[in-house]
Amino acid sequence: MPSLLLVVFLLQLAIHLINTIGAAAVNDLLWMLYNKLPIATADSYTKVKTLRKEMIRLKTELNATSAQDQFAKWAKLQRQYDKVATEHDTKAQDMQAFRASFDRIASALRWLSTNGLRFLLQFWYSKQPLFWLEKGWVPYYIEWLLSFPKAPLGSISIQIWAGACAAVISLVSAALVSVYALLRNTRLEQPHQAKATPAAKVATEKKEL
């Protein structure tokens, strides 16, 4: 069985990732994975995507065809497009109704497996020390805060550990985002500097002359 310290940390990490990515994006990912399974709705999902691509193809070809100069071809494409669009709208409406139910279930399961599980663990292990501090290492009032609300005095409670994990994860995430933004800006500035260097060199040569 994994350590409770690790379980709480991973749980806080999962909550942070979901909050960062967004519930809608997580639901979209789950919906896509769900339709990869060999189930009845997967065929409808694939059919809707195929019909949408066919609509785009027919619409592009229809816009490129003159209704005056090529009326017969234009009328045929229009009939094909109307037929595909009607079939697509019918199947898409059915999928939207099922998707709404899927989103509700996915949101409930996501909450139960993250925040719900966190509340359950904090309630169940509220009196259990996750680890102990050295005696006399911190003042009494700090010991009381670290053991809040029900853990033995001189220990770290699960609530405090969860808060510390959330804070560290948030700080590391912000640092990683800052580093990525810095590296990205550096890469974008390098081509501009490379282009500006020859021009600056020419200006310097002219000035020397």
Protein backbone atom coordinates (compact mmCIF):
# COMPACT_ATOMS: atom_id res chain seq x y z
CA MET A 1 0.00 0.00 0.00
CA PRO A 2 1.46 3.42 -0.91
CA SER A 3 2.36 5.84 1.85
CA LEU A 4 -0.36 8.24 2.93
CA LEU A 5 2.13 11.08 2.42
CA LEU A 6 2.53 10.09 -1.24
CA VAL A 7 -1.21 9.55 -1.75
CA VAL A 8 -2.02 13.03 -0.46
CA PHE A 9 0.73 14.59 -2.60
CA LEU A 10 -0.45 12.82 -5.78
CA LEU A 11 -4.03 13.77 -5.00
CA GLN A 12 -3.10 17.44 -4.65
CA LEU A 13 -1.10 17.21 -7.88
CA ALA A 14 -4.11 15.76 -9.71
CA ILE A 15 -6.37 18.54 -8.37
CA HIS A 16 -3.85 21.19 -9.44
CA LEU A 17 -3.55 19.72 -12.96
CA ILE A 18 -7.32 19.58 -13.38
CA ASN A 19 -7.71 23.18 -12.18
CA THR A 20 -4.88 24.31 -14.48
CA ILE A 21 -6.05 22.46 -17.59
CA GLY A 22 -9.71 23.20 -16.96
CA ALA A 23 -12.72 20.95 -16.37
CA ALA A 24 -13.96 21.38 -19.94
CA ALA A 25 -10.64 20.28 -21.42
CA VAL A 26 -10.54 17.25 -19.11
CA ASN A 27 -14.10 16.32 -20.14
CA ASP A 28 -13.14 16.67 -23.81
CA LEU A 29 -10.19 14.32 -23.28
CA LEU A 30 -12.35 11.79 -21.42
CA TRP A 31 -14.99 12.02 -24.15
CA MET A 32 -12.42 11.35 -26.85
CA LEU A 33 -10.97 8.38 -24.92
CA TYR A 34 -14.47 7.06 -24.20
CA ASN A 35 -15.30 7.00 -27.89
CA LYS A 36 -12.13 5.00 -28.58
CA LEU A 37 -13.75 2.08 -26.78
CA PRO A 38 -15.70 -0.57 -28.75
CA ILE A 39 -19.13 0.81 -27.79
CA ALA A 40 -22.26 1.78 -29.73
CA THR A 41 -21.75 5.53 -29.37
CA ALA A 42 -18.25 5.26 -30.83
CA ASP A 43 -19.74 4.48 -34.26
CA SER A 44 -22.04 7.51 -34.04
CA TYR A 45 -19.11 9.69 -32.92
CA THR A 46 -17.01 8.55 -35.89
CA LYS A 47 -19.97 8.98 -38.25
CA VAL A 48 -20.53 12.58 -37.11
CA LYS A 49 -16.85 13.40 -37.68
CA THR A 50 -16.97 11.81 -41.15
CA LEU A 51 -20.14 13.71 -42.08
CA ARG A 52 -18.61 16.97 -40.86
CA LYS A 53 -15.56 16.46 -43.08
CA GLU A 54 -17.82 15.62 -46.01
CA MET A 55 -19.84 18.78 -45.40
CA ILE A 56 -16.67 20.88 -45.48
CA ARG A 57 -15.53 19.20 -48.68
CA LEU A 58 -18.87 19.69 -50.43
CA LYS A 59 -19.17 23.30 -49.21
CA THR A 60 -15.68 24.09 -50.55
CA GLU A 61 -16.48 22.51 -53.89
CA LEU A 62 -19.88 24.24 -53.97
CA ASN A 63 -18.32 27.66 -53.38
CA ALA A 64 -15.87 27.01 -56.20
CA THR A 65 -18.70 26.18 -58.64
CA SER A 66 -20.61 28.90 -60.47
CA ALA A 67 -24.40 28.61 -60.16
CA GLN A 68 -24.81 30.37 -63.49
CA ASP A 69 -22.10 28.79 -65.66
CA GLN A 70 -22.26 25.28 -64.14
CA PHE A 71 -25.83 25.10 -62.89
CA ALA A 72 -26.25 21.31 -63.27
CA LYS A 73 -23.08 20.57 -61.29
CA TRP A 74 -23.93 23.25 -58.72
CA ALA A 75 -27.47 21.86 -58.22
CA LYS A 76 -26.10 18.32 -57.77
CA LEU A 77 -23.56 19.48 -55.21
CA GLN A 78 -26.24 21.48 -53.39
CA ARG A 79 -28.49 18.41 -53.13
CA GLN A 80 -25.59 16.32 -51.83
CA TYR A 81 -24.66 18.99 -49.32
CA ASP A 82 -28.24 19.36 -48.04
CA LYS A 83 -28.54 15.59 -47.62
CA VAL A 84 -25.25 15.28 -45.73
CA ALA A 85 -26.03 18.38 -43.60
CA THR A 86 -29.44 16.99 -42.60
CA GLU A 87 -27.95 13.63 -41.63
CA HIS A 88 -25.13 15.34 -39.74
CA ASP A 89 -27.48 17.62 -37.79
CA THR A 90 -29.71 14.69 -36.79
CA LYS A 91 -26.84 12.55 -35.53
CA ALA A 92 -25.09 15.54 -33.94
CA GLN A 93 -28.21 16.39 -31.90
CA ASP A 94 -28.41 12.83 -30.61
CA MET A 95 -24.70 12.92 -29.71
CA GLN A 96 -25.07 16.31 -27.98
CA ALA A 97 -27.81 14.92 -25.72
CA PHE A 98 -25.63 11.94 -24.81
CA ARG A 99 -22.58 14.19 -24.40
CA ALA A 100 -24.47 16.34 -21.89
CA SER A 101 -25.21 13.24 -19.80
CA PHE A 102 -21.60 12.09 -20.18
CA ASP A 103 -20.27 15.47 -18.98
CA ARG A 104 -22.48 15.36 -15.88
CA ILE A 105 -21.33 11.84 -14.98
CA ALA A 106 -17.67 12.63 -15.77
CA SER A 107 -17.78 15.80 -13.65
CA ALA A 108 -19.31 13.92 -10.72
CA LEU A 109 -16.76 11.09 -10.95
CA ARG A 110 -13.90 13.58 -11.31
CA TRP A 111 -14.99 15.46 -8.20
CA LEU A 112 -15.46 12.26 -6.18
CA SER A 113 -12.05 10.93 -7.21
CA THR A 114 -10.23 14.18 -6.36
CA ASN A 115 -11.85 16.64 -3.96
CA GLY A 116 -14.27 14.07 -2.58
CA LEU A 117 -11.44 11.64 -1.87
CA ARG A 118 -9.39 14.46 -0.32
CA PHE A 119 -12.21 15.35 2.09
CA LEU A 120 -12.72 11.69 2.96
CA LEU A 121 -9.01 11.14 3.70
CA GLN A 122 -8.81 14.32 5.79
CA PHE A 123 -11.83 13.24 7.81
CA TRP A 124 -10.75 9.59 8.21
CA TYR A 125 -7.14 10.34 9.11
CA SER A 126 -7.73 13.62 10.98
CA LYS A 127 -6.38 12.15 14.25
CA GLN A 128 -3.46 10.28 12.69
CA PRO A 129 0.02 11.90 12.67
CA LEU A 130 1.64 11.76 9.25
CA PHE A 131 5.08 12.27 10.79
CA TRP A 132 6.54 13.69 14.00
CA LEU A 133 8.64 16.79 14.65
CA GLU A 134 11.70 16.83 16.89
CA LYS A 135 10.64 17.67 20.43
CA GLY A 136 11.24 21.36 21.18
CA TRP A 137 12.14 22.11 17.55
CA VAL A 138 9.38 24.74 17.21
CA PRO A 139 7.40 26.76 19.79
CA TYR A 140 4.22 25.36 21.29
CA TYR A 141 1.83 27.49 19.21
CA ILE A 142 3.57 26.34 16.00
CA GLU A 143 3.24 22.73 17.11
CA TRP A 144 -0.46 23.33 17.72
CA LEU A 145 -0.92 24.85 14.26
CA LEU A 146 0.96 22.01 12.54
CA SER A 147 -1.17 19.40 14.31
CA PHE A 148 -4.45 21.20 13.54
CA PRO A 149 -7.21 20.15 13.91
CA LYS A 150 -7.04 16.78 15.74
CA ALA A 151 -3.58 15.24 15.25
CA PRO A 152 -1.40 14.70 18.35
CA LEU A 153 0.64 17.69 19.44
CA GLY A 154 4.10 17.63 17.94
CA SER A 155 3.02 15.90 14.73
CA ILE A 156 1.98 17.03 11.24
CA SER A 157 -1.71 16.54 10.47
CA ILE A 158 -3.04 15.44 7.10
CA GLN A 159 -4.71 18.83 6.59
CA ILE A 160 -1.45 20.72 7.07
CA TRP A 161 0.44 18.27 4.86
CA ALA A 162 -2.18 18.64 2.10
CA GLY A 163 -1.93 22.44 2.31
CA ALA A 164 1.87 22.30 2.16
CA CYS A 165 1.75 19.98 -0.88
CA ALA A 166 -0.70 22.31 -2.64
CA ALA A 167 1.51 25.33 -1.94
CA VAL A 168 4.69 23.63 -3.17
CA ILE A 169 2.98 22.29 -6.31
CA SER A 170 1.61 25.75 -7.07
CA LEU A 171 5.04 27.38 -6.64
CA VAL A 172 6.82 24.78 -8.78
CA SER A 173 4.14 25.07 -11.46
CA ALA A 174 4.50 28.87 -11.55
CA ALA A 175 8.29 28.53 -11.77
CA LEU A 176 8.06 26.05 -14.66
CA VAL A 177 5.65 28.32 -16.53
CA SER A 178 8.01 31.27 -16.04
CA VAL A 179 11.01 29.27 -17.27
CA TYR A 180 9.06 28.09 -20.32
CA ALA A 181 7.95 31.64 -21.14
CA LEU A 182 11.53 32.90 -20.76
CA LEU A 183 12.92 30.19 -23.05
CA ARG A 184 10.19 30.81 -25.59
CA ASN A 185 10.82 34.56 -25.66
CA THR A 186 14.55 33.90 -26.03
CA ARG A 187 13.96 31.66 -29.05
CA LEU A 188 11.67 34.25 -30.64
CA GLU A 189 14.21 37.04 -30.12
CA GLN A 190 17.13 35.12 -31.65
CA PRO A 191 15.90 35.29 -35.31
CA HIS A 192 15.25 39.02 -34.96
CA GLN A 193 18.72 39.58 -33.58
CA ALA A 194 20.21 37.50 -36.40
CA LYS A 195 18.40 39.62 -38.98
CA ALA A 196 19.37 42.86 -37.28
CA THR A 197 23.08 41.97 -37.09
CA PRO A 198 23.91 42.34 -40.85
CA ALA A 199 22.09 45.66 -41.02
CA ALA A 200 23.93 46.93 -37.97
CA LYS A 201 27.22 45.74 -39.47
CA VAL A 202 26.57 47.62 -42.73
CA ALA A 203 25.67 50.79 -40.78
CA THR A 204 28.90 50.48 -38.79
CA GLU A 205 30.98 50.07 -41.97
CA LYS A 206 29.36 53.12 -43.58
CA LYS A 207 30.02 55.15 -40.46
CA GLU A 208 33.69 54.16 -40.51
CA LEU A 209 33.99 55.20 -44.16
